[in-house]
Structures are given as structure tokens and as C-alpha cells.
C-alpha atoms as a PDB file:
ATOM      1  CA  UNK A   1      50.238  40.593 101.986  1.00  0.00           C
ATOM      2  CA  UNK A   2      47.335  38.075 100.314  1.00  0.00           C
ATOM      3  CA  UNK A   3      49.025  35.658  99.213  1.00  0.00           C
ATOM      4  CA  UNK A   4      51.807  35.800 102.956  1.00  0.00           C
ATOM      5  CA  UNK A   5      48.589  35.675 105.262  1.00  0.00           C
ATOM      6  CA  UNK A   6      47.152  32.724 103.117  1.00  0.00           C
ATOM      7  CA  UNK A   7      49.085  30.154 104.731  1.00  0.00           C
ATOM      8  CA  UNK A   8      47.857  31.095 108.026  1.00  0.00           C
ATOM      9  CA  UNK A   9      44.609  30.319 110.144  1.00  0.00           C
ATOM     10  CA  UNK A  10      42.975  33.642 111.044  1.00  0.00           C
ATOM     11  CA  UNK A  11      39.703  35.429 111.894  1.00  0.00           C
ATOM     12  CA  UNK A  12      39.735  39.382 110.885  1.00  0.00           C
ATOM     13  CA  UNK A  13      37.430  42.101 112.207  1.00  0.00           C
ATOM     14  CA  UNK A  14      37.614  45.198 109.906  1.00  0.00           C
ATOM     15  CA  UNK A  15      35.857  47.949 110.731  1.00  0.00           C
ATOM     16  CA  UNK A  16      35.873  51.175 108.746  1.00  0.00           C
ATOM     17  CA  UNK A  17      33.726  54.370 108.235  1.00  0.00           C
ATOM     18  CA  UNK A  18      33.555  54.193 104.556  1.00  0.00           C
ATOM     19  CA  UNK A  19      36.286  52.208 102.962  1.00  0.00           C
ATOM     20  CA  UNK A  20      37.140  52.567  99.456  1.00  0.00           C
ATOM     21  CA  UNK A  21      36.563  50.560  96.767  1.00  0.00           C
ATOM     22  CA  UNK A  22      39.974  49.417  96.605  1.00  0.00           C
ATOM     23  CA  UNK A  23      39.461  48.484 100.245  1.00  0.00           C
ATOM     24  CA  UNK A  24      36.821  46.442  99.930  1.00  0.00           C
ATOM     25  CA  UNK A  25      38.284  44.557  97.190  1.00  0.00           C
ATOM     26  CA  UNK A  26      41.558  43.477  99.030  1.00  0.00           C
ATOM     27  CA  UNK A  27      39.286  42.312 102.518  1.00  0.00           C
ATOM     28  CA  UNK A  28      36.737  40.281  99.911  1.00  0.00           C
ATOM     29  CA  UNK A  29      39.737  38.215  98.592  1.00  0.00           C
ATOM     30  CA  UNK A  30      40.427  36.672 102.650  1.00  0.00           C
ATOM     31  CA  UNK A  31      38.332  34.001 103.555  1.00  0.00           C
ATOM     32  CA  UNK A  32      36.758  34.663 107.143  1.00  0.00           C
ATOM     33  CA  UNK A  33      36.717  38.653 106.895  1.00  0.00           C
ATOM     34  CA  UNK A  34      34.044  40.179 109.169  1.00  0.00           C
ATOM     35  CA  UNK A  35      33.716  44.046 107.352  1.00  0.00           C
ATOM     36  CA  UNK A  36      31.652  46.723 108.712  1.00  0.00           C
ATOM     37  CA  UNK A  37      31.522  49.892 106.300  1.00  0.00           C
ATOM     38  CA  UNK A  38      28.627  51.134 108.144  1.00  0.00           C
ATOM     39  CA  UNK A  39      29.280  55.613 107.674  1.00  0.00           C
ATOM     40  CA  UNK A  40      29.561  56.832 111.539  1.00  0.00           C
ATOM     41  CA  UNK A  41      30.249  60.359 110.806  1.00  0.00           C
ATOM     42  CA  UNK A  42      33.733  60.637 111.288  1.00  0.00           C
ATOM     43  CA  UNK A  43      36.160  63.848 110.607  1.00  0.00           C
ATOM     44  CA  UNK A  44      37.438  61.942 106.942  1.00  0.00           C
END
């Protein structure tokens, strides 16, 4: 997915509730990605 999307212009905003280390690592591979990983106290 990373290699496919790397050919396009995009802006991602990822809003998570305590995202896993694996997901954070995946999203950090992209340029211009904003990640808000605040623990919001959700039901999960």
C-alpha cells in the first residue's frame, strides 16, 4: 500500500485512540502524514 500511494499526492490525517506501535510505524513511512495518537479513553 505504501509503494502504491507513494506515486500520488495526498494528505493524510490519522486520528487514533492509542494506536499500536506497528500502525504508528506504518503511517510514519509516509510523507506529510499527521498522526494524533492521543489516548481518548475509548471503549477499546
